[in-house]
Amino acid sequence: MTPVELNGDGQLDLLLSYVQEYSAHLHLVAVDLDGDFLWSYGNEAAISQRGGKEPSLRPPLTAFDFNGDGQTEVVVDLGGLDA
């Protein structure tokens, strides 16, 4: 779980990353501190290309305004995959 401001309201939100253990699907879920859903993302293809390696159940991520446009970008470490 990563605390980060995601929706422009100046309050911290929560970003969760996980991989479903048996399906190897990457999921990101963003919620605000009230528990209200903001957005989600799932990427089956990138994780399934691991070639037999077990994925982390909580892949590391970082969130920051990398390009200075005022919106937070999210980067997830997929363990060297070409996603």
PDB file of N, CA and C in Angstrom:
ATOM      1  N   MET A   1       0.850  -1.161   0.000  1.00  0.00           N
ATOM      2  CA  MET A   1       0.000   0.000   0.000  1.00  0.00           C
ATOM      3  C   MET A   1       0.903   1.233   0.000  1.00  0.00           C
ATOM      4  N   THR A   2       0.615   2.151  -0.892  1.00  0.00           N
ATOM      5  CA  THR A   2       1.418   3.356  -1.022  1.00  0.00           C
ATOM      6  C   THR A   2       0.526   4.586  -0.856  1.00  0.00           C
ATOM      7  N   PRO A   3       0.818   5.445   0.140  1.00  0.00           N
ATOM      8  CA  PRO A   3       0.062   6.690   0.255  1.00  0.00           C
ATOM      9  C   PRO A   3       0.583   7.708  -0.762  1.00  0.00           C
ATOM     10  N   VAL A   4      -0.321   8.304  -1.526  1.00  0.00           N
ATOM     11  CA  VAL A   4       0.059   9.268  -2.560  1.00  0.00           C
ATOM     12  C   VAL A   4      -1.178  10.086  -2.929  1.00  0.00           C
ATOM     13  N   GLU A   5      -0.971  11.321  -3.322  1.00  0.00           N
ATOM     14  CA  GLU A   5      -2.081  12.178  -3.758  1.00  0.00           C
ATOM     15  C   GLU A   5      -2.363  11.852  -5.221  1.00  0.00           C
ATOM     16  N   LEU A   6      -3.562  11.372  -5.512  1.00  0.00           N
ATOM     17  CA  LEU A   6      -3.877  10.906  -6.862  1.00  0.00           C
ATOM     18  C   LEU A   6      -4.962  11.692  -7.581  1.00  0.00           C
ATOM     19  N   ASN A   7      -5.881  12.322  -6.856  1.00  0.00           N
ATOM     20  CA  ASN A   7      -7.046  12.895  -7.530  1.00  0.00           C
ATOM     21  C   ASN A   7      -7.127  14.422  -7.495  1.00  0.00           C
ATOM     22  N   GLY A   8      -6.059  15.082  -7.062  1.00  0.00           N
ATOM     23  CA  GLY A   8      -6.022  16.535  -7.122  1.00  0.00           C
ATOM     24  C   GLY A   8      -6.730  17.270  -6.002  1.00  0.00           C
ATOM     25  N   ASP A   9      -7.187  16.562  -4.962  1.00  0.00           N
ATOM     26  CA  ASP A   9      -7.890  17.244  -3.871  1.00  0.00           C
ATOM     27  C   ASP A   9      -6.959  17.663  -2.731  1.00  0.00           C
ATOM     28  N   GLY A  10      -5.662  17.385  -2.855  1.00  0.00           N
ATOM     29  CA  GLY A  10      -4.692  17.770  -1.842  1.00  0.00           C
ATOM     30  C   GLY A  10      -4.610  16.824  -0.658  1.00  0.00           C
ATOM     31  N   GLN A  11      -5.432  15.777  -0.649  1.00  0.00           N
ATOM     32  CA  GLN A  11      -5.435  14.780   0.421  1.00  0.00           C
ATOM     33  C   GLN A  11      -4.770  13.500  -0.075  1.00  0.00           C
ATOM     34  N   LEU A  12      -4.110  12.789   0.847  1.00  0.00           N
ATOM     35  CA  LEU A  12      -3.492  11.524   0.465  1.00  0.00           C
ATOM     36  C   LEU A  12      -4.547  10.491   0.110  1.00  0.00           C
ATOM     37  N   ASP A  13      -4.240   9.692  -0.876  1.00  0.00           N
ATOM     38  CA  ASP A  13      -5.048   8.555  -1.289  1.00  0.00           C
ATOM     39  C   ASP A  13      -4.188   7.317  -1.084  1.00  0.00           C
ATOM     40  N   LEU A  14      -4.749   6.145  -1.312  1.00  0.00           N
ATOM     41  CA  LEU A  14      -4.010   4.900  -1.153  1.00  0.00           C
ATOM     42  C   LEU A  14      -3.978   4.154  -2.470  1.00  0.00           C
ATOM     43  N   LEU A  15      -2.789   3.673  -2.830  1.00  0.00           N
ATOM     44  CA  LEU A  15      -2.595   2.900  -4.042  1.00  0.00           C
ATOM     45  C   LEU A  15      -2.115   1.515  -3.629  1.00  0.00           C
ATOM     46  N   LEU A  16      -2.848   0.495  -4.037  1.00  0.00           N
ATOM     47  CA  LEU A  16      -2.520  -0.878  -3.701  1.00  0.00           C
ATOM     48  C   LEU A  16      -2.136  -1.620  -4.968  1.00  0.00           C
ATOM     49  N   SER A  17      -1.101  -2.442  -4.871  1.00  0.00           N
ATOM     50  CA  SER A  17      -0.710  -3.293  -5.996  1.00  0.00           C
ATOM     51  C   SER A  17      -0.674  -4.728  -5.504  1.00  0.00           C
ATOM     52  N   TYR A  18      -1.154  -5.622  -6.344  1.00  0.00           N
ATOM     53  CA  TYR A  18      -1.091  -7.038  -5.977  1.00  0.00           C
ATOM     54  C   TYR A  18      -1.180  -7.887  -7.228  1.00  0.00           C
ATOM     55  N   VAL A  19      -0.721  -9.114  -7.086  1.00  0.00           N
ATOM     56  CA  VAL A  19      -0.810 -10.095  -8.147  1.00  0.00           C
ATOM     57  C   VAL A  19      -1.652 -11.240  -7.607  1.00  0.00           C
ATOM     58  N   GLN A  20      -2.682 -11.616  -8.368  1.00  0.00           N
ATOM     59  CA  GLN A  20      -3.481 -12.758  -7.952  1.00  0.00           C
ATOM     60  C   GLN A  20      -2.599 -13.994  -7.997  1.00  0.00           C
ATOM     61  N   GLU A  21      -2.546 -14.717  -6.901  1.00  0.00           N
ATOM     62  CA  GLU A  21      -1.576 -15.793  -6.711  1.00  0.00           C
ATOM     63  C   GLU A  21      -1.612 -16.852  -7.803  1.00  0.00           C
ATOM     64  N   TYR A  22      -2.762 -17.317  -8.208  1.00  0.00           N
ATOM     65  CA  TYR A  22      -2.821 -18.417  -9.160  1.00  0.00           C
ATOM     66  C   TYR A  22      -3.042 -17.982 -10.600  1.00  0.00           C
ATOM     67  N   SER A  23      -3.443 -16.749 -10.814  1.00  0.00           N
ATOM     68  CA  SER A  23      -3.682 -16.300 -12.181  1.00  0.00           C
ATOM     69  C   SER A  23      -2.559 -15.425 -12.713  1.00  0.00           C
ATOM     70  N   ALA A  24      -1.703 -14.893 -11.841  1.00  0.00           N
ATOM     71  CA  ALA A  24      -0.586 -14.027 -12.213  1.00  0.00           C
ATOM     72  C   ALA A  24      -1.056 -12.765 -12.933  1.00  0.00           C
ATOM     73  N   HIS A  25      -2.179 -12.211 -12.543  1.00  0.00           N
ATOM     74  CA  HIS A  25      -2.683 -10.956 -13.092  1.00  0.00           C
ATOM     75  C   HIS A  25      -2.277  -9.819 -12.169  1.00  0.00           C
ATOM     76  N   LEU A  26      -1.643  -8.788 -12.723  1.00  0.00           N
ATOM     77  CA  LEU A  26      -1.286  -7.602 -11.949  1.00  0.00           C
ATOM     78  C   LEU A  26      -2.505  -6.707 -11.805  1.00  0.00           C
ATOM     79  N   HIS A  27      -2.719  -6.189 -10.597  1.00  0.00           N
ATOM     80  CA  HIS A  27      -3.816  -5.271 -10.350  1.00  0.00           C
ATOM     81  C   HIS A  27      -3.317  -4.079  -9.539  1.00  0.00           C
ATOM     82  N   LEU A  28      -3.795  -2.898  -9.896  1.00  0.00           N
ATOM     83  CA  LEU A  28      -3.599  -1.685  -9.110  1.00  0.00           C
ATOM     84  C   LEU A  28      -4.985  -1.164  -8.749  1.00  0.00           C
ATOM     85  N   VAL A  29      -5.146  -0.756  -7.510  1.00  0.00           N
ATOM     86  CA  VAL A  29      -6.420  -0.202  -7.055  1.00  0.00           C
ATOM     87  C   VAL A  29      -6.121   1.072  -6.286  1.00  0.00           C
ATOM     88  N   ALA A  30      -6.828   2.142  -6.614  1.00  0.00           N
ATOM     89  CA  ALA A  30      -6.671   3.421  -5.925  1.00  0.00           C
ATOM     90  C   ALA A  30      -7.967   3.760  -5.204  1.00  0.00           C
ATOM     91  N   VAL A  31      -7.831   4.138  -3.921  1.00  0.00           N
ATOM     92  CA  VAL A  31      -8.972   4.570  -3.118  1.00  0.00           C
ATOM     93  C   VAL A  31      -8.578   5.816  -2.345  1.00  0.00           C
ATOM     94  N   ASP A  32      -9.571   6.628  -1.961  1.00  0.00           N
ATOM     95  CA  ASP A  32      -9.256   7.754  -1.097  1.00  0.00           C
ATOM     96  C   ASP A  32      -9.311   7.293   0.358  1.00  0.00           C
ATOM     97  N   LEU A  33      -8.987   8.179   1.291  1.00  0.00           N
ATOM     98  CA  LEU A  33      -8.923   7.776   2.698  1.00  0.00           C
ATOM     99  C   LEU A  33     -10.296   7.485   3.303  1.00  0.00           C
ATOM    100  N   ASP A  34     -11.356   7.861   2.597  1.00  0.00           N
ATOM    101  CA  ASP A  34     -12.703   7.486   3.036  1.00  0.00           C
ATOM    102  C   ASP A  34     -13.082   6.089   2.534  1.00  0.00           C
ATOM    103  N   GLY A  35     -12.197   5.487   1.725  1.00  0.00           N
ATOM    104  CA  GLY A  35     -12.469   4.165   1.169  1.00  0.00           C
ATOM    105  C   GLY A  35     -13.209   4.203  -0.147  1.00  0.00           C
ATOM    106  N   ASP A  36     -13.421   5.410  -0.685  1.00  0.00           N
ATOM    107  CA  ASP A  36     -14.116   5.526  -1.969  1.00  0.00           C
ATOM    108  C   ASP A  36     -13.182   5.139  -3.105  1.00  0.00           C
ATOM    109  N   PHE A  37     -13.691   4.309  -4.020  1.00  0.00           N
ATOM    110  CA  PHE A  37     -12.950   3.828  -5.174  1.00  0.00           C
ATOM    111  C   PHE A  37     -12.613   4.990  -6.109  1.00  0.00           C
ATOM    112  N   LEU A  38     -11.342   5.085  -6.547  1.00  0.00           N
ATOM    113  CA  LEU A  38     -10.933   6.102  -7.518  1.00  0.00           C
ATOM    114  C   LEU A  38     -10.745   5.485  -8.900  1.00  0.00           C
ATOM    115  N   TRP A  39      -9.943   4.446  -8.995  1.00  0.00           N
ATOM    116  CA  TRP A  39      -9.721   3.759 -10.259  1.00  0.00           C
ATOM    117  C   TRP A  39      -9.005   2.437 -10.007  1.00  0.00           C
ATOM    118  N   SER A  40      -8.972   1.613 -11.040  1.00  0.00           N
ATOM    119  CA  SER A  40      -8.214   0.367 -10.964  1.00  0.00           C
ATOM    120  C   SER A  40      -7.612   0.077 -12.328  1.00  0.00           C
ATOM    121  N   TYR A  41      -6.618  -0.786 -12.323  1.00  0.00           N
ATOM    122  CA  TYR A  41      -5.950  -1.189 -13.557  1.00  0.00           C
ATOM    123  C   TYR A  41      -5.546  -2.647 -13.401  1.00  0.00           C
ATOM    124  N   GLY A  42      -5.747  -3.441 -14.423  1.00  0.00           N
ATOM    125  CA  GLY A  42      -5.311  -4.830 -14.425  1.00  0.00           C
ATOM    126  C   GLY A  42      -4.565  -5.127 -15.706  1.00  0.00           C
ATOM    127  N   ASN A  43      -3.463  -5.866 -15.595  1.00  0.00           N
ATOM    128  CA  ASN A  43      -2.649  -6.177 -16.763  1.00  0.00           C
ATOM    129  C   ASN A  43      -2.258  -7.645 -16.736  1.00  0.00           C
ATOM    130  N   GLU A  44      -3.016  -8.460 -17.435  1.00  0.00           N
ATOM    131  CA  GLU A  44      -2.764  -9.898 -17.472  1.00  0.00           C
ATOM    132  C   GLU A  44      -1.537 -10.243 -18.302  1.00  0.00           C
ATOM    133  N   ALA A  45      -1.354  -9.584 -19.424  1.00  0.00           N
ATOM    134  CA  ALA A  45      -0.313  -9.983 -20.372  1.00  0.00           C
ATOM    135  C   ALA A  45       1.099  -9.823 -19.819  1.00  0.00           C
ATOM    136  N   ALA A  46       1.401  -8.704 -19.180  1.00  0.00           N
ATOM    137  CA  ALA A  46       2.769  -8.439 -18.740  1.00  0.00           C
ATOM    138  C   ALA A  46       3.247  -9.462 -17.723  1.00  0.00           C
ATOM    139  N   ILE A  47       2.417  -9.802 -16.758  1.00  0.00           N
ATOM    140  CA  ILE A  47       2.832 -10.753 -15.731  1.00  0.00           C
ATOM    141  C   ILE A  47       2.912 -12.166 -16.297  1.00  0.00           C
ATOM    142  N   SER A  48       2.030 -12.537 -17.213  1.00  0.00           N
ATOM    143  CA  SER A  48       2.024 -13.898 -17.718  1.00  0.00           C
ATOM    144  C   SER A  48       3.228 -14.190 -18.604  1.00  0.00           C
ATOM    145  N   GLN A  49       4.013 -13.180 -18.972  1.00  0.00           N
ATOM    146  CA  GLN A  49       5.204 -13.382 -19.794  1.00  0.00           C
ATOM    147  C   GLN A  49       6.445 -13.677 -18.961  1.00  0.00           C
ATOM    148  N   ARG A  50       6.299 -13.966 -17.690  1.00  0.00           N
ATOM    149  CA  ARG A  50       7.436 -14.168 -16.798  1.00  0.00           C
ATOM    150  C   ARG A  50       8.245 -15.412 -17.127  1.00  0.00           C
ATOM    151  N   GLY A  51       7.773 -16.302 -17.940  1.00  0.00           N
ATOM    152  CA  GLY A  51       8.543 -17.478 -18.306  1.00  0.00           C
ATOM    153  C   GLY A  51       8.773 -18.434 -17.135  1.00  0.00           C
ATOM    154  N   GLY A  52       7.750 -18.669 -16.331  1.00  0.00           N
ATOM    155  CA  GLY A  52       7.857 -19.620 -15.241  1.00  0.00           C
ATOM    156  C   GLY A  52       8.259 -19.033 -13.906  1.00  0.00           C
ATOM    157  N   LYS A  53       8.715 -17.797 -13.869  1.00  0.00           N
ATOM    158  CA  LYS A  53       9.086 -17.170 -12.596  1.00  0.00           C
ATOM    159  C   LYS A  53       7.830 -16.833 -11.803  1.00  0.00           C
ATOM    160  N   GLU A  54       7.902 -17.019 -10.505  1.00  0.00           N
ATOM    161  CA  GLU A  54       6.787 -16.657  -9.644  1.00  0.00           C
ATOM    162  C   GLU A  54       6.753 -15.142  -9.458  1.00  0.00           C
ATOM    163  N   PRO A  55       5.624 -14.500  -9.689  1.00  0.00           N
ATOM    164  CA  PRO A  55       5.545 -13.053  -9.484  1.00  0.00           C
ATOM    165  C   PRO A  55       5.477 -12.719  -8.003  1.00  0.00           C
ATOM    166  N   SER A  56       5.919 -11.533  -7.658  1.00  0.00           N
ATOM    167  CA  SER A  56       5.744 -11.023  -6.301  1.00  0.00           C
ATOM    168  C   SER A  56       4.266 -10.803  -6.066  1.00  0.00           C
ATOM    169  N   LEU A  57       3.774 -11.123  -4.874  1.00  0.00           N
ATOM    170  CA  LEU A  57       2.365 -10.882  -4.594  1.00  0.00           C
ATOM    171  C   LEU A  57       2.090  -9.416  -4.345  1.00  0.00           C
ATOM    172  N   ARG A  58       3.126  -8.622  -4.092  1.00  0.00           N
ATOM    173  CA  ARG A  58       2.989  -7.177  -3.925  1.00  0.00           C
ATOM    174  C   ARG A  58       4.125  -6.482  -4.670  1.00  0.00           C
ATOM    175  N   PRO A  59       3.989  -6.326  -5.982  1.00  0.00           N
ATOM    176  CA  PRO A  59       5.077  -5.713  -6.743  1.00  0.00           C
ATOM    177  C   PRO A  59       5.349  -4.287  -6.286  1.00  0.00           C
ATOM    178  N   PRO A  60       6.633  -3.905  -6.189  1.00  0.00           N
ATOM    179  CA  PRO A  60       6.960  -2.549  -5.758  1.00  0.00           C
ATOM    180  C   PRO A  60       6.495  -1.502  -6.777  1.00  0.00           C
ATOM    181  N   LEU A  61       6.084  -0.358  -6.259  1.00  0.00           N
ATOM    182  CA  LEU A  61       5.645   0.716  -7.138  1.00  0.00           C
ATOM    183  C   LEU A  61       6.053   2.053  -6.543  1.00  0.00           C
ATOM    184  N   THR A  62       6.043   3.045  -7.399  1.00  0.00           N
ATOM    185  CA  THR A  62       6.240   4.419  -6.957  1.00  0.00           C
ATOM    186  C   THR A  62       5.272   5.300  -7.731  1.00  0.00           C
ATOM    187  N   ALA A  63       4.883   6.402  -7.121  1.00  0.00           N
ATOM    188  CA  ALA A  63       3.957   7.337  -7.759  1.00  0.00           C
ATOM    189  C   ALA A  63       4.485   8.743  -7.535  1.00  0.00           C
ATOM    190  N   PHE A  64       4.558   9.522  -8.626  1.00  0.00           N
ATOM    191  CA  PHE A  64       5.137  10.857  -8.574  1.00  0.00           C
ATOM    192  C   PHE A  64       4.743  11.583  -9.850  1.00  0.00           C
ATOM    193  N   ASP A  65       4.781  12.898  -9.837  1.00  0.00           N
ATOM    194  CA  ASP A  65       4.552  13.685 -11.054  1.00  0.00           C
ATOM    195  C   ASP A  65       5.880  13.777 -11.793  1.00  0.00           C
ATOM    196  N   PHE A  66       6.211  12.740 -12.542  1.00  0.00           N
ATOM    197  CA  PHE A  66       7.508  12.647 -13.207  1.00  0.00           C
ATOM    198  C   PHE A  66       7.702  13.686 -14.312  1.00  0.00           C
ATOM    199  N   ASN A  67       6.644  14.035 -15.019  1.00  0.00           N
ATOM    200  CA  ASN A  67       6.802  14.934 -16.160  1.00  0.00           C
ATOM    201  C   ASN A  67       6.353  16.366 -15.878  1.00  0.00           C
ATOM    202  N   GLY A  68       5.993  16.674 -14.616  1.00  0.00           N
ATOM    203  CA  GLY A  68       5.676  18.045 -14.234  1.00  0.00           C
ATOM    204  C   GLY A  68       4.371  18.583 -14.760  1.00  0.00           C
ATOM    205  N   ASP A  69       3.434  17.704 -15.154  1.00  0.00           N
ATOM    206  CA  ASP A  69       2.164  18.180 -15.694  1.00  0.00           C
ATOM    207  C   ASP A  69       1.078  18.358 -14.638  1.00  0.00           C
ATOM    208  N   GLY A  70       1.413  18.136 -13.356  1.00  0.00           N
ATOM    209  CA  GLY A  70       0.449  18.297 -12.282  1.00  0.00           C
ATOM    210  C   GLY A  70      -0.365  17.053 -11.978  1.00  0.00           C
ATOM    211  N   GLN A  71      -0.139  15.965 -12.731  1.00  0.00           N
ATOM    212  CA  GLN A  71      -0.839  14.705 -12.485  1.00  0.00           C
ATOM    213  C   GLN A  71       0.175  13.645 -12.065  1.00  0.00           C
ATOM    214  N   THR A  72      -0.233  12.780 -11.148  1.00  0.00           N
ATOM    215  CA  THR A  72       0.654  11.745 -10.638  1.00  0.00           C
ATOM    216  C   THR A  72       0.707  10.563 -11.603  1.00  0.00           C
ATOM    217  N   GLU A  73       1.927  10.149 -11.948  1.00  0.00           N
ATOM    218  CA  GLU A  73       2.122   8.944 -12.735  1.00  0.00           C
ATOM    219  C   GLU A  73       2.493   7.805 -11.786  1.00  0.00           C
ATOM    220  N   VAL A  74       2.156   6.582 -12.173  1.00  0.00           N
ATOM    221  CA  VAL A  74       2.437   5.402 -11.364  1.00  0.00           C
ATOM    222  C   VAL A  74       3.362   4.486 -12.152  1.00  0.00           C
ATOM    223  N   VAL A  75       4.437   4.025 -11.490  1.00  0.00           N
ATOM    224  CA  VAL A  75       5.388   3.106 -12.098  1.00  0.00           C
ATOM    225  C   VAL A  75       5.428   1.848 -11.238  1.00  0.00           C
ATOM    226  N   VAL A  76       5.288   0.679 -11.868  1.00  0.00           N
ATOM    227  CA  VAL A  76       5.302  -0.598 -11.155  1.00  0.00           C
ATOM    228  C   VAL A  76       6.477  -1.422 -11.657  1.00  0.00           C
ATOM    229  N   ASP A  77       7.242  -2.005 -10.719  1.00  0.00           N
ATOM    230  CA  ASP A  77       8.365  -2.873 -11.060  1.00  0.00           C
ATOM    231  C   ASP A  77       7.824  -4.272 -11.353  1.00  0.00           C
ATOM    232  N   LEU A  78       7.906  -4.672 -12.615  1.00  0.00           N
ATOM    233  CA  LEU A  78       7.422  -5.990 -13.018  1.00  0.00           C
ATOM    234  C   LEU A  78       8.563  -7.004 -13.106  1.00  0.00           C
ATOM    235  N   GLY A  79       9.686  -6.696 -12.492  1.00  0.00           N
ATOM    236  CA  GLY A  79      10.783  -7.650 -12.450  1.00  0.00           C
ATOM    237  C   GLY A  79      11.522  -7.804 -13.757  1.00  0.00           C
ATOM    238  N   GLY A  80      11.705  -6.722 -14.500  1.00  0.00           N
ATOM    239  CA  GLY A  80      12.474  -6.774 -15.732  1.00  0.00           C
ATOM    240  C   GLY A  80      11.686  -7.137 -16.963  1.00  0.00           C
ATOM    241  N   LEU A  81      10.380  -7.175 -16.887  1.00  0.00           N
ATOM    242  CA  LEU A  81       9.559  -7.501 -18.055  1.00  0.00           C
ATOM    243  C   LEU A  81       9.452  -6.319 -18.997  1.00  0.00           C
ATOM    244  N   ASP A  82       9.277  -6.597 -20.262  1.00  0.00           N
ATOM    245  CA  ASP A  82       8.941  -5.559 -21.235  1.00  0.00           C
ATOM    246  C   ASP A  82       7.430  -5.456 -21.256  1.00  0.00           C
ATOM    247  N   ALA A  83       6.868  -4.555 -20.464  1.00  0.00           N
ATOM    248  CA  ALA A  83       5.405  -4.475 -20.353  1.00  0.00           C
ATOM    249  C   ALA A  83       4.814  -3.638 -21.457  1.00  0.00           C
TER     250      ALA A  83
END
